[in-house]
C-alpha atoms as a PDB file:
ATOM      1  CA  UNK A   1      19.777   5.576  -7.130  1.00  0.00           C
ATOM      2  CA  UNK A   2      18.475   2.032  -6.939  1.00  0.00           C
ATOM      3  CA  UNK A   3      15.643   1.447  -4.441  1.00  0.00           C
ATOM      4  CA  UNK A   4      16.660  -0.893  -1.616  1.00  0.00           C
ATOM      5  CA  UNK A   5      13.791  -3.264  -2.387  1.00  0.00           C
ATOM      6  CA  UNK A   6      14.889  -3.597  -6.010  1.00  0.00           C
ATOM      7  CA  UNK A   7      18.538  -4.012  -5.017  1.00  0.00           C
ATOM      8  CA  UNK A   8      17.499  -6.830  -2.694  1.00  0.00           C
ATOM      9  CA  UNK A   9      15.539  -8.521  -5.502  1.00  0.00           C
ATOM     10  CA  UNK A  10      12.224  -8.025  -3.738  1.00  0.00           C
ATOM     11  CA  UNK A  11      10.581  -6.620  -6.869  1.00  0.00           C
ATOM     12  CA  UNK A  12       8.890  -9.075  -9.194  1.00  0.00           C
ATOM     13  CA  UNK A  13       9.097  -8.769 -12.980  1.00  0.00           C
ATOM     14  CA  UNK A  14       5.654  -7.146 -12.988  1.00  0.00           C
ATOM     15  CA  UNK A  15       6.650  -4.576 -10.389  1.00  0.00           C
ATOM     16  CA  UNK A  16       9.697  -3.603 -12.441  1.00  0.00           C
ATOM     17  CA  UNK A  17       7.323  -2.432 -15.185  1.00  0.00           C
ATOM     18  CA  UNK A  18       5.762   0.092 -12.820  1.00  0.00           C
ATOM     19  CA  UNK A  19       7.136   3.304 -11.320  1.00  0.00           C
ATOM     20  CA  UNK A  20       8.632   2.765  -7.868  1.00  0.00           C
ATOM     21  CA  UNK A  21       6.042   5.091  -6.356  1.00  0.00           C
ATOM     22  CA  UNK A  22       3.075   3.098  -7.684  1.00  0.00           C
ATOM     23  CA  UNK A  23       3.005   0.252  -5.112  1.00  0.00           C
ATOM     24  CA  UNK A  24       3.543   2.798  -2.323  1.00  0.00           C
ATOM     25  CA  UNK A  25       0.593   4.871  -3.529  1.00  0.00           C
ATOM     26  CA  UNK A  26      -1.622   1.788  -3.716  1.00  0.00           C
ATOM     27  CA  UNK A  27      -0.577   0.821  -0.192  1.00  0.00           C
ATOM     28  CA  UNK A  28      -1.527   4.279   1.075  1.00  0.00           C
ATOM     29  CA  UNK A  29      -4.912   4.082  -0.649  1.00  0.00           C
ATOM     30  CA  UNK A  30      -5.574   0.594   0.731  1.00  0.00           C
ATOM     31  CA  UNK A  31      -4.618   1.718   4.237  1.00  0.00           C
ATOM     32  CA  UNK A  32      -6.895   4.743   3.962  1.00  0.00           C
ATOM     33  CA  UNK A  33      -9.812   2.540   2.872  1.00  0.00           C
ATOM     34  CA  UNK A  34      -9.157   0.043   5.666  1.00  0.00           C
ATOM     35  CA  UNK A  35      -8.969   2.851   8.225  1.00  0.00           C
ATOM     36  CA  UNK A  36     -12.244   4.297   6.919  1.00  0.00           C
ATOM     37  CA  UNK A  37     -13.996   0.930   7.109  1.00  0.00           C
ATOM     38  CA  UNK A  38     -12.578   0.254  10.574  1.00  0.00           C
ATOM     39  CA  UNK A  39     -13.791   3.622  11.872  1.00  0.00           C
ATOM     40  CA  UNK A  40     -17.151   3.020  10.204  1.00  0.00           C
ATOM     41  CA  UNK A  41     -17.523  -0.330  11.975  1.00  0.00           C
ATOM     42  CA  UNK A  42     -16.630   1.069  15.391  1.00  0.00           C
ATOM     43  CA  UNK A  43     -19.095   3.931  14.882  1.00  0.00           C
ATOM     44  CA  UNK A  44     -21.882   1.471  14.091  1.00  0.00           C
ATOM     45  CA  UNK A  45     -21.015  -0.557  17.203  1.00  0.00           C
ATOM     46  CA  UNK A  46     -21.306   2.585  19.292  1.00  0.00           C
ATOM     47  CA  UNK A  47     -17.840   2.285  20.810  1.00  0.00           C
END
């Protein structure tokens, strides 16, 4: 099965060298870090 993003040509040459799950995993990690920082900031502001 070809991922929809690859079928649509959204993948760059560099992305094609990586497993399809890799960018998704990085996105999850980045979102988790951003959520952590956001919650940290709101805690410091006392809201």
